[in-house]
C-alpha cells in the first residue's frame, strides 16, 4: 500500500495512497510508534495526513520500554509493553514545480495561520537549546517551531513581543524584545540563527535572562507579564533551582518545554532530578510541556501559545512588591506629639514608596486612631505612588487616647473587608503606648480573616500587646524602637520580611 524511496539510512519517504485508513492495519503507540505499526495509519493518527493520503517522512529510532495507545484523528492506536525498534512520522512538502525538495520540511510550516488568543500582551523570552547534543536536524526543527510560535502569537507592539537567547556552554541574545515588531521579520531572523554548540547550561542562561533581558532598554514594557520559555533537549548540564528562584522572585513566569526526556538508563546522568519542578513558576502542570520527540514538537505550538497568553494564569507576575493591599493603622494619641507624628508619617511614606503602586498592583490605605478611629483614605482612593505619598503627608495629627483594639476592628471592617481577593492583606500598626482596650480578640479575628499583621512599637508600647497583634512568628512581625527618630532603621527589615514571607509560599 505504500511506495517508499530511501532518503537516508535512518529516514525514508513513504507515499500513502488515498483511503488507506483501515482498522486491519494496526498502530502501536502515540507520537513514537512501534516499528511493525502501519506507517500510513500512524501518520493519520498523528495528524500529518488524513485519509486522502500524501507523502510523509518516516524516521527510524530506537526501541522503547513502553508504547501508549490513544484515539486520535479517527485512528485507535494500541499500547505495547516494549519493542526493539520505533519510528516517528512527519510531513514533507512538494515544491510548486512538483519535485520533492532535497531536504524535506515539515508540512506544518505551511498550515494556515494559527488563531491568536485575544489581548495577548506579554513580553516573551525563549531560551533556545544550542547544545551539541541536539544535532543539526533537531536544531532546525527547533527553529521551525519558534517561527511557528511567532506566527501564531502575531507579534506586535500592542500585543506580544518576543526575543530569543540561545544557550550552550554560555549564552547570547539573538535578539531582544524590541528588535522585531512583526511576525514575518521575526521568523526570517529565526531562520538565520546558527547553532552555538557546547553543553546545556540552562541555569547560567536563566540567571542572565533575569538580570539582563527584561530591561526597559531592551524593550520591556512594564505593564506586560514577563515570560520565559526554556527549550531543553534531554536535560540541563548545570543546576537550575537557584537561578529559577531568583527569576520567579523578580516576577518572571518560567515555562519549560522538554523534548526527549532521559530514559530510565540515562537518569543517573541527570545532575538535578526533577529539574523542571524546581524551575517552573508552579508545579501544577500548566507551566511544563514534555514532548516525546522533536518530530512531534509542532503539536504543542497551539497549547503553548494559549498558555503564555493566559495572563490570568501567569501568577508569577505577582511579586511581594506589586500584589498587596497594605493598610497602615497609625496611633494619633496625645503621647505621640506633633513632631513625632510627622516622623511616623515619614516612616509610612518610606515603606509605601518601596512598593509598585497602582489600582492593579499594590494599593495603600490608612487609618488613624485615638479613642476613636478615622479612615484617612481607603485602598481604591489613590492609584499612583505620587498621590499616595502626597496623601500621607496631608494626614493631620488628631490627639487623644489609645484604643488599639477598636482600631484593629475598624481597619478590618473599613479597609481589609474591601480588599481584592487576589491581594495579600497586610496591616502595619504603629503605636507608642499600652492600649486602653483589649487587642487580642480583634487581632485574632483579623488573622483568621487572612490579614498578615506587623506591629511596630515605640517608647512605651507594651511588648505583650505587640506580640498579640503580630502574625506568628512574632519575631518576624513585631518590632520595637526606643524612640521615634529610630523608626527609619526598620524600613528595610520590614520590606525584607514581607518579601521573604511572600516568596516562601508553596508553588503547587
Protein backbone atom coordinates (compact mmCIF):
# COMPACT_ATOMS: atom_id res chain seq x y z
CA UNK A 1 0.00 0.00 0.00
CA UNK A 2 2.95 2.39 0.19
CA UNK A 3 5.63 3.33 -2.32
CA UNK A 4 8.89 4.06 -0.49
CA UNK A 5 12.18 5.59 -1.55
CA UNK A 6 15.26 5.59 0.66
CA UNK A 7 16.18 9.08 1.83
CA UNK A 8 18.96 8.41 4.33
CA UNK A 9 19.88 5.31 6.25
CA UNK A 10 17.51 6.15 9.11
CA UNK A 11 14.87 8.09 7.15
CA UNK A 12 12.67 7.36 4.18
CA UNK A 13 9.77 8.99 2.40
CA UNK A 14 6.56 6.99 2.21
CA UNK A 15 3.73 7.75 -0.19
CA UNK A 16 0.39 6.87 1.40
CA UNK A 17 -2.43 6.27 -1.12
CA UNK A 18 -5.92 7.71 -0.63
CA UNK A 19 -8.25 5.62 1.54
CA UNK A 20 -5.51 3.78 3.44
CA UNK A 21 -7.19 4.26 6.83
CA UNK A 22 -8.23 0.74 7.78
CA UNK A 23 -8.63 -0.96 11.15
CA UNK A 24 -6.89 -4.09 9.87
CA UNK A 25 -3.62 -2.11 9.70
CA UNK A 26 -2.65 -1.86 13.37
CA UNK A 27 -0.87 1.07 15.03
CA UNK A 28 1.02 0.80 18.34
CA UNK A 29 1.97 3.95 20.29
CA UNK A 30 1.42 7.73 20.31
CA UNK A 31 3.92 10.12 18.65
CA UNK A 32 6.51 7.31 18.76
CA UNK A 33 5.26 4.11 17.09
CA UNK A 34 6.48 0.51 17.32
CA UNK A 35 8.22 -0.44 14.05
CA UNK A 36 5.65 -3.03 12.91
CA UNK A 37 2.83 -0.44 13.01
CA UNK A 38 1.17 0.69 9.79
CA UNK A 39 3.17 3.74 8.69
CA UNK A 40 0.25 5.43 6.93
CA UNK A 41 -2.23 4.82 9.74
CA UNK A 42 0.36 6.19 12.18
CA UNK A 43 0.62 9.32 10.01
CA UNK A 44 -3.18 9.76 10.11
CA UNK A 45 -3.19 9.11 13.88
CA UNK A 46 -0.56 11.82 14.44
CA UNK A 47 -2.36 14.32 12.18
CA UNK A 48 0.34 14.55 9.49
CA UNK A 49 -2.08 13.44 6.73
CA UNK A 50 -5.74 12.49 6.50
CA UNK A 51 -7.47 9.67 4.60
CA UNK A 52 -6.74 11.48 1.33
CA UNK A 53 -3.14 10.24 1.66
CA UNK A 54 0.11 12.03 0.85
CA UNK A 55 3.86 11.87 1.29
CA UNK A 56 5.34 11.52 4.76
CA UNK A 57 8.83 11.41 6.18
CA UNK A 58 9.48 8.35 8.37
CA UNK A 59 12.41 8.34 10.79
CA UNK A 60 13.63 5.13 12.42
CA UNK A 61 14.52 5.46 16.11
CA UNK A 62 15.47 3.12 18.95
CA UNK A 63 13.05 0.76 20.65
CA UNK A 64 11.09 1.84 23.71
CA UNK A 65 10.19 0.22 27.01
CA UNK A 66 6.52 1.15 26.56
CA UNK A 67 4.15 2.49 23.89
CA UNK A 68 0.97 4.30 24.93
CA UNK A 69 -2.22 3.74 22.96
CA UNK A 70 -4.66 6.59 22.25
CA UNK A 71 -7.55 7.60 19.98
CA UNK A 72 -6.70 10.43 17.58
CA UNK A 73 -7.99 11.61 14.19
CA UNK A 74 -10.26 8.57 13.81
CA UNK A 75 -7.48 6.05 14.46
CA UNK A 76 -7.28 3.93 17.62
CA UNK A 77 -3.65 3.08 18.43
CA UNK A 78 -2.81 0.26 20.83
CA UNK A 79 -0.47 0.03 23.80
CA UNK A 80 2.56 -2.24 23.79
CA UNK A 81 4.92 -3.00 26.71
CA UNK A 82 8.16 -2.91 24.66
CA UNK A 83 9.59 -3.33 21.19
CA UNK A 84 13.08 -3.31 19.69
CA UNK A 85 12.57 -0.54 17.09
CA UNK A 86 10.37 2.51 16.64
CA UNK A 87 9.63 5.18 14.09
CA UNK A 88 8.43 8.80 14.00
CA UNK A 89 6.43 10.42 11.22
CA UNK A 90 6.46 14.00 9.97
CA UNK A 91 5.25 15.76 6.84
CA UNK A 92 7.10 16.56 3.63
CA UNK A 93 6.16 19.28 1.16
CA UNK A 94 6.24 19.24 -2.60
CA UNK A 95 7.68 22.32 -4.30
CA UNK A 96 5.44 24.20 -6.71
CA UNK A 97 7.10 22.56 -9.76
CA UNK A 98 6.03 19.16 -8.40
CA UNK A 99 9.51 18.00 -7.40
CA UNK A 100 10.27 16.90 -3.93
CA UNK A 101 12.67 19.28 -2.16
CA UNK A 102 16.13 17.96 -1.36
CA UNK A 103 15.63 18.42 2.39
CA UNK A 104 12.00 17.73 3.31
CA UNK A 105 10.43 20.38 5.52
CA UNK A 106 7.58 19.52 7.85
CA UNK A 107 4.16 20.19 6.38
CA UNK A 108 3.04 22.14 9.44
CA UNK A 109 5.13 25.08 8.23
CA UNK A 110 2.53 25.51 5.52
CA UNK A 111 -0.56 25.21 7.64
CA UNK A 112 -2.91 28.22 7.62
CA UNK A 113 -2.35 30.88 10.24
CA UNK A 114 -2.98 29.72 13.76
CA UNK A 115 -5.59 31.60 15.74
CA UNK A 116 -4.41 34.22 18.17
CA UNK A 117 -5.83 34.48 21.68
CA UNK A 118 -7.43 37.87 22.29
CA UNK A 119 -5.49 40.56 24.18
CA UNK A 120 -2.27 38.59 24.33
CA UNK A 121 0.09 41.25 25.66
CA UNK A 122 3.17 39.51 27.04
CA UNK A 123 6.94 40.11 26.91
CA UNK A 124 8.40 36.74 25.94
CA UNK A 125 11.93 35.37 26.05
CA UNK A 126 12.63 31.98 24.52
CA UNK A 127 15.72 30.17 25.78
CA UNK A 128 16.79 28.16 22.78
CA UNK A 129 18.86 24.99 23.14
CA UNK A 130 22.03 25.35 21.06
CA UNK A 131 23.97 22.49 22.69
CA UNK A 132 25.76 19.89 20.58
CA UNK A 133 23.54 17.11 21.97
CA UNK A 134 20.66 18.37 19.90
CA UNK A 135 22.30 17.87 16.48
CA UNK A 136 21.80 19.95 13.34
CA UNK A 137 18.49 18.48 12.18
CA UNK A 138 16.79 18.90 15.55
CA UNK A 139 18.18 22.44 15.83
CA UNK A 140 16.44 23.14 12.52
CA UNK A 141 13.18 21.67 13.90
CA UNK A 142 13.53 23.93 16.93
CA UNK A 143 13.89 26.98 14.67
CA UNK A 144 10.80 25.95 12.71
CA UNK A 145 8.91 25.56 15.97
CA UNK A 146 9.95 29.04 17.18
CA UNK A 147 8.96 30.50 13.81
CA UNK A 148 5.54 28.88 14.08
CA UNK A 149 5.11 30.20 17.63
CA UNK A 150 5.98 33.71 16.41
CA UNK A 151 3.42 33.33 13.62
CA UNK A 152 0.73 32.04 15.99
CA UNK A 153 1.33 34.82 18.52
CA UNK A 154 1.01 37.65 16.00
CA UNK A 155 3.96 39.76 17.18
CA UNK A 156 3.29 43.49 17.50
CA UNK A 157 3.83 46.49 19.76
CA UNK A 158 0.23 46.32 21.05
CA UNK A 159 0.36 42.54 21.50
CA UNK A 160 3.11 40.05 22.30
CA UNK A 161 6.80 40.84 21.85
CA UNK A 162 9.39 38.05 21.61
CA UNK A 163 13.15 37.79 21.95
CA UNK A 164 15.45 34.78 21.82
CA UNK A 165 18.50 33.86 23.90
CA UNK A 166 20.49 30.84 22.71
CA UNK A 167 22.42 28.82 25.26
CA UNK A 168 25.19 26.23 25.12
CA UNK A 169 28.32 26.49 27.27
CA UNK A 170 27.38 30.13 27.68
CA UNK A 171 24.55 32.24 26.25
CA UNK A 172 23.95 35.05 23.81
CA UNK A 173 20.98 37.25 22.98
CA UNK A 174 19.99 36.57 19.36
CA UNK A 175 17.56 39.48 19.54
CA UNK A 176 15.67 41.32 22.25
CA UNK A 177 12.05 42.36 22.67
CA UNK A 178 12.26 45.50 20.55
CA UNK A 179 14.35 44.13 17.65
CA UNK A 180 11.35 42.90 15.61
CA UNK A 181 7.84 44.33 15.69
CA UNK A 182 6.09 41.78 13.43
CA UNK A 183 5.98 38.01 12.98
CA UNK A 184 7.36 37.99 9.41
CA UNK A 185 10.62 39.76 10.29
CA UNK A 186 10.96 37.68 13.43
CA UNK A 187 10.54 34.41 11.52
CA UNK A 188 13.13 35.47 8.95
CA UNK A 189 15.57 36.30 11.77
CA UNK A 190 14.94 32.94 13.48
CA UNK A 191 15.74 31.15 10.21
CA UNK A 192 19.20 32.80 10.17
CA UNK A 193 20.19 31.73 13.74
CA UNK A 194 23.28 29.49 13.77
CA UNK A 195 23.93 26.84 16.40
CA UNK A 196 26.32 27.78 19.24
CA UNK A 197 27.21 24.28 20.43
CA UNK A 198 28.60 23.27 23.80
CA UNK A 199 26.84 21.96 26.90
CA UNK A 200 23.27 22.72 28.06
CA UNK A 201 23.90 25.35 30.75
CA UNK A 202 20.28 26.35 31.38
CA UNK A 203 20.90 27.72 34.91
CA UNK A 204 23.51 30.18 33.65
CA UNK A 205 21.18 31.28 30.87
CA UNK A 206 18.23 31.80 33.26
CA UNK A 207 20.44 33.89 35.51
CA UNK A 208 21.47 36.01 32.52
CA UNK A 209 17.83 36.50 31.42
CA UNK A 210 16.79 37.50 34.93
CA UNK A 211 19.48 40.18 35.20
CA UNK A 212 19.69 41.44 31.62
CA UNK A 213 16.83 40.52 29.30
CA UNK A 214 13.77 42.25 30.78
CA UNK A 215 15.24 45.74 30.95
CA UNK A 216 13.48 48.86 29.68
CA UNK A 217 16.42 49.43 27.33
CA UNK A 218 15.71 46.02 25.72
CA UNK A 219 12.04 46.76 25.13
CA UNK A 220 10.48 45.54 28.38
CA UNK A 221 7.12 47.31 28.66
CA UNK A 222 6.43 47.12 32.38
CA UNK A 223 2.69 46.58 32.04
CA UNK A 224 3.05 43.25 30.20
CA UNK A 225 3.83 39.99 32.06
CA UNK A 226 7.40 38.71 31.67
CA UNK A 227 7.51 35.12 30.41
CA UNK A 228 10.49 32.83 29.78
CA UNK A 229 10.03 29.60 27.81
CA UNK A 230 13.01 27.26 28.21
CA UNK A 231 13.53 24.66 25.45
CA UNK A 232 15.57 21.68 26.68
CA UNK A 233 16.74 18.65 24.74
CA UNK A 234 17.11 15.88 27.34
CA UNK A 235 18.28 17.63 30.50
CA UNK A 236 20.44 20.62 31.61
CA UNK A 237 24.15 20.19 32.37
CA UNK A 238 24.06 22.66 35.27
CA UNK A 239 21.69 23.34 38.16
CA UNK A 240 18.60 25.47 37.57
CA UNK A 241 16.96 25.71 41.02
CA UNK A 242 18.63 28.84 42.43
CA UNK A 243 18.61 30.85 39.18
CA UNK A 244 14.94 29.97 38.68
CA UNK A 245 14.00 31.00 42.21
CA UNK A 246 15.60 34.43 41.74
CA UNK A 247 13.86 34.84 38.38
CA UNK A 248 10.48 33.95 39.88
CA UNK A 249 11.04 36.44 42.70
CA UNK A 250 11.66 39.09 40.02
CA UNK A 251 8.18 38.42 38.62
CA UNK A 252 9.20 36.17 35.70
CA UNK A 253 6.85 33.33 34.70
CA UNK A 254 9.02 30.32 33.77
CA UNK A 255 7.76 27.62 31.38
CA UNK A 256 9.74 24.52 30.34
CA UNK A 257 9.33 22.59 27.09
CA UNK A 258 11.37 19.41 27.46
CA UNK A 259 11.98 17.18 24.46
CA UNK A 260 13.09 13.54 24.57
CA UNK A 261 13.45 13.27 28.35
CA UNK A 262 16.03 10.98 29.93
CA UNK A 263 15.32 7.27 29.50
CA UNK A 264 15.50 5.06 32.61
CA UNK A 265 19.08 4.04 31.79
CA UNK A 266 20.16 7.70 31.41
CA UNK A 267 18.65 9.03 34.65
CA UNK A 268 21.90 8.66 36.60
CA UNK A 269 23.41 11.30 34.26
CA UNK A 270 20.83 13.96 35.24
CA UNK A 271 22.57 16.17 37.82
CA UNK A 272 19.37 17.73 39.19
CA UNK A 273 16.46 15.28 39.32
CA UNK A 274 13.04 16.92 38.93
CA UNK A 275 14.77 19.97 37.40
CA UNK A 276 11.50 21.05 35.74
CA UNK A 277 9.58 21.22 39.04
CA UNK A 278 12.47 23.09 40.64
CA UNK A 279 12.38 25.72 37.89
CA UNK A 280 8.83 26.39 36.69
CA UNK A 281 6.51 29.06 38.10
CA UNK A 282 4.08 26.49 39.57
CA UNK A 283 4.33 22.70 39.70
CA UNK A 284 0.69 22.12 38.68
CA UNK A 285 1.43 21.02 35.09
CA UNK A 286 0.40 24.33 33.47
CA UNK A 287 3.99 25.55 33.12
CA UNK A 288 5.61 22.39 31.74
CA UNK A 289 5.16 20.53 28.48
CA UNK A 290 7.04 17.30 27.75
CA UNK A 291 7.33 16.24 24.13
CA UNK A 292 8.49 12.67 23.43
CA UNK A 293 10.22 13.58 20.18
CA UNK A 294 11.44 16.60 18.24
CA UNK A 295 9.29 15.36 15.37
CA UNK A 296 6.10 15.90 17.37
CA UNK A 297 7.12 19.36 18.64
CA UNK A 298 4.81 21.07 16.13
CA UNK A 299 1.81 19.71 18.07
CA UNK A 300 2.50 21.93 21.07
CA UNK A 301 2.57 25.29 19.21
CA UNK A 302 -1.10 25.99 19.95
CA UNK A 303 -1.17 24.69 23.57
CA UNK A 304 1.96 26.71 24.40
CA UNK A 305 0.65 29.92 22.81
CA UNK A 306 -2.65 29.55 24.67
CA UNK A 307 -0.84 29.14 27.98
CA UNK A 308 1.63 32.01 27.67
CA UNK A 309 -1.24 34.28 26.60
CA UNK A 310 -3.49 33.31 29.51
CA UNK A 311 -2.37 36.28 31.62
CA UNK A 312 -4.78 35.46 34.47
CA UNK A 313 -2.85 32.22 35.00
CA UNK A 314 0.58 33.87 34.93
CA UNK A 315 0.74 34.02 38.71
CA UNK A 316 4.49 34.63 38.92
CA UNK A 317 3.92 38.14 37.57
CA UNK A 318 2.85 38.84 41.15
CA UNK A 319 5.76 39.75 43.40
CA UNK A 320 6.00 40.85 47.01
CA UNK A 321 6.06 44.47 45.80
CA UNK A 322 3.12 44.51 43.41
CA UNK A 323 0.37 42.32 44.84
CA UNK A 324 -0.65 43.55 48.31
CA UNK A 325 -3.28 45.72 49.93
CA UNK A 326 -1.34 47.44 52.72
CA UNK A 327 -3.30 49.17 55.46
CA UNK A 328 -1.42 51.42 57.93
CA UNK A 329 -3.05 51.77 61.37
CA UNK A 330 -1.48 54.87 62.96
CA UNK A 331 -1.60 55.85 66.63
CA UNK A 332 -2.56 59.55 66.86
CA UNK A 333 -2.79 59.69 70.68
CA UNK A 334 -1.66 62.67 72.77
CA UNK A 335 1.56 60.98 73.93
CA UNK A 336 2.90 60.94 70.35
CA UNK A 337 3.06 64.73 69.85
CA UNK A 338 3.05 66.74 66.63
CA UNK A 339 6.75 66.43 65.80
CA UNK A 340 6.88 62.66 66.36
CA UNK A 341 3.66 62.21 64.37
CA UNK A 342 5.42 63.78 61.35
CA UNK A 343 8.25 61.26 61.87
CA UNK A 344 5.70 58.41 61.87
CA UNK A 345 4.20 59.72 58.60
CA UNK A 346 7.69 59.85 57.07
CA UNK A 347 8.16 56.19 58.11
CA UNK A 348 4.82 55.27 56.49
CA UNK A 349 5.84 57.11 53.30
CA UNK A 350 9.28 55.43 53.21
CA UNK A 351 7.66 51.99 53.37
CA UNK A 352 4.99 52.86 50.79
CA UNK A 353 7.43 54.13 48.20
CA UNK A 354 9.21 50.75 48.04
CA UNK A 355 6.09 49.16 46.52
CA UNK A 356 4.76 49.24 42.95
CA UNK A 357 1.55 51.20 43.42
CA UNK A 358 -1.41 51.23 41.03
CA UNK A 359 -5.02 50.05 41.03
CA UNK A 360 -3.86 46.65 39.69
CA UNK A 361 -0.63 46.41 41.74
CA UNK A 362 -0.12 47.21 45.42
CA UNK A 363 -2.70 49.56 46.97
CA UNK A 364 -2.28 51.61 50.17
CA UNK A 365 -4.88 52.63 52.76
CA UNK A 366 -4.57 54.37 56.16
CA UNK A 367 -6.49 54.64 59.43
CA UNK A 368 -5.60 56.99 62.32
CA UNK A 369 -6.86 56.27 65.81
CA UNK A 370 -7.11 57.66 69.34
CA UNK A 371 -10.17 56.60 71.42
CA UNK A 372 -11.92 56.90 68.09
CA UNK A 373 -10.93 55.97 64.54
CA UNK A 374 -10.73 57.87 61.30
CA UNK A 375 -10.39 56.47 57.76
CA UNK A 376 -7.74 58.72 56.21
CA UNK A 377 -8.04 57.04 52.79
CA UNK A 378 -9.10 53.62 51.54
CA UNK A 379 -7.41 51.23 49.07
CA UNK A 380 -9.12 52.50 45.93
CA UNK A 381 -8.69 56.22 46.66
CA UNK A 382 -5.22 56.70 45.09
CA UNK A 383 -3.68 54.73 42.24
CA UNK A 384 -0.26 56.35 41.78
CA UNK A 385 2.72 56.41 44.09
CA UNK A 386 2.89 60.21 43.99
CA UNK A 387 -0.76 60.59 45.00
CA UNK A 388 -0.32 58.11 47.88
CA UNK A 389 2.80 59.88 49.18
CA UNK A 390 1.05 63.28 48.99
CA UNK A 391 -1.98 61.90 50.85
CA UNK A 392 0.23 60.50 53.63
CA UNK A 393 1.91 63.89 54.04
CA UNK A 394 -1.51 65.59 54.36
CA UNK A 395 -2.72 63.43 57.30
CA UNK A 396 -3.33 65.76 60.23
CA UNK A 397 -2.47 64.82 63.81
CA UNK A 398 -5.58 64.05 65.87
CA UNK A 399 -4.51 63.67 69.54
CA UNK A 400 -6.47 61.76 72.19
CA UNK A 401 -6.47 58.36 73.95
CA UNK A 402 -5.22 54.93 72.78
CA UNK A 403 -7.83 52.30 71.86
CA UNK A 404 -5.71 49.98 69.69
CA UNK A 405 -8.14 47.02 69.81
CA UNK A 406 -11.02 49.11 68.46
CA UNK A 407 -8.68 50.48 65.75
CA UNK A 408 -7.82 46.94 64.57
CA UNK A 409 -11.54 46.07 64.32
CA UNK A 410 -12.20 49.33 62.46
CA UNK A 411 -9.35 48.68 59.97
CA UNK A 412 -10.63 45.13 59.40
CA UNK A 413 -14.06 46.48 58.57
CA UNK A 414 -13.21 49.70 56.70
CA UNK A 415 -10.08 48.56 54.83
CA UNK A 416 -9.49 44.82 54.69
CA UNK A 417 -13.10 43.69 54.14
CA UNK A 418 -12.89 45.67 50.87
CA UNK A 419 -9.58 44.10 49.83
CA UNK A 420 -9.35 42.35 46.44
CA UNK A 421 -9.40 38.54 46.64
CA UNK A 422 -6.10 38.18 44.74
CA UNK A 423 -4.23 40.59 47.07
CA UNK A 424 -2.27 39.79 50.21
CA UNK A 425 -3.81 41.75 53.09
CA UNK A 426 -1.06 43.37 55.15
CA UNK A 427 -1.69 45.53 58.23
CA UNK A 428 1.15 47.66 59.62
CA UNK A 429 0.24 49.09 63.03
CA UNK A 430 2.38 51.76 64.73
CA UNK A 431 1.76 52.64 68.41
CA UNK A 432 3.67 54.32 71.25
CA UNK A 433 1.80 53.03 74.33
CA UNK A 434 -0.34 50.42 76.03
CA UNK A 435 -3.90 50.18 74.76
CA UNK A 436 -6.90 51.15 76.91
CA UNK A 437 -8.83 48.20 75.47
CA UNK A 438 -8.16 44.53 74.63
CA UNK A 439 -6.12 43.92 71.48
CA UNK A 440 -6.11 40.09 71.50
CA UNK A 441 -9.64 39.33 70.29
CA UNK A 442 -9.65 41.93 67.44
CA UNK A 443 -6.14 40.81 66.37
CA UNK A 444 -7.14 37.13 66.33
CA UNK A 445 -10.23 37.96 64.24
CA UNK A 446 -8.05 39.86 61.74
CA UNK A 447 -5.57 36.95 61.50
CA UNK A 448 -8.43 34.50 60.89
CA UNK A 449 -9.64 36.72 58.05
CA UNK A 450 -6.28 36.40 56.31
CA UNK A 451 -4.71 39.68 57.44
CA UNK A 452 -0.93 39.49 57.91
CA UNK A 453 -0.23 41.87 60.80
CA UNK A 454 3.02 43.70 61.59
CA UNK A 455 3.26 45.68 64.84
CA UNK A 456 5.78 48.47 65.43
CA UNK A 457 6.06 49.73 68.98
CA UNK A 458 7.80 52.92 70.07
CA UNK A 459 8.82 54.14 73.56
CA UNK A 460 6.07 52.97 75.99
CA UNK A 461 4.42 50.37 73.75
CA UNK A 462 3.73 47.08 75.58
CA UNK A 463 5.70 44.07 74.29
CA UNK A 464 2.91 41.56 75.14
CA UNK A 465 0.40 43.59 73.11
CA UNK A 466 2.77 43.99 70.16
CA UNK A 467 3.19 40.20 70.05
CA UNK A 468 -0.57 39.59 70.32
CA UNK A 469 -1.21 41.96 67.40
CA UNK A 470 1.54 40.46 65.21
CA UNK A 471 1.08 37.41 62.99
CA UNK A 472 3.17 34.41 64.11
CA UNK A 473 6.13 34.06 64.26
CA UNK A 474 6.30 37.25 66.39
CA UNK A 475 9.99 37.90 65.87
CA UNK A 476 9.41 38.41 62.13
CA UNK A 477 6.26 40.53 62.52
CA UNK A 478 6.87 42.59 65.66
CA UNK A 479 9.43 45.39 66.14
CA UNK A 480 10.28 47.76 68.95
CA UNK A 481 12.29 51.00 68.98
CA UNK A 482 13.05 53.18 71.96
CA UNK A 483 12.43 56.50 70.17
CA UNK A 484 10.60 57.78 67.09
CA UNK A 485 13.78 59.03 65.41
CA UNK A 486 14.96 55.39 65.12
CA UNK A 487 11.90 54.17 63.19
CA UNK A 488 13.72 54.57 59.86
CA UNK A 489 16.01 51.67 60.81
CA UNK A 490 13.17 49.20 60.34
CA UNK A 491 12.08 50.18 56.82
CA UNK A 492 14.41 47.74 55.02
CA UNK A 493 13.85 44.95 57.55
CA UNK A 494 10.09 45.26 57.21
CA UNK A 495 10.17 45.16 53.40
CA UNK A 496 12.58 42.21 53.52
CA UNK A 497 10.29 40.27 55.89
CA UNK A 498 7.22 40.97 53.74
CA UNK A 499 9.11 39.67 50.68
CA UNK A 500 10.58 36.62 52.43
CA UNK A 501 7.11 35.61 53.57
CA UNK A 502 5.67 36.12 50.10
CA UNK A 503 8.43 34.13 48.39
CA UNK A 504 8.15 31.20 50.77
CA UNK A 505 4.57 30.38 49.66
CA UNK A 506 4.21 26.82 48.30
CA UNK A 507 4.38 26.57 44.49
CA UNK A 508 1.90 23.77 43.88
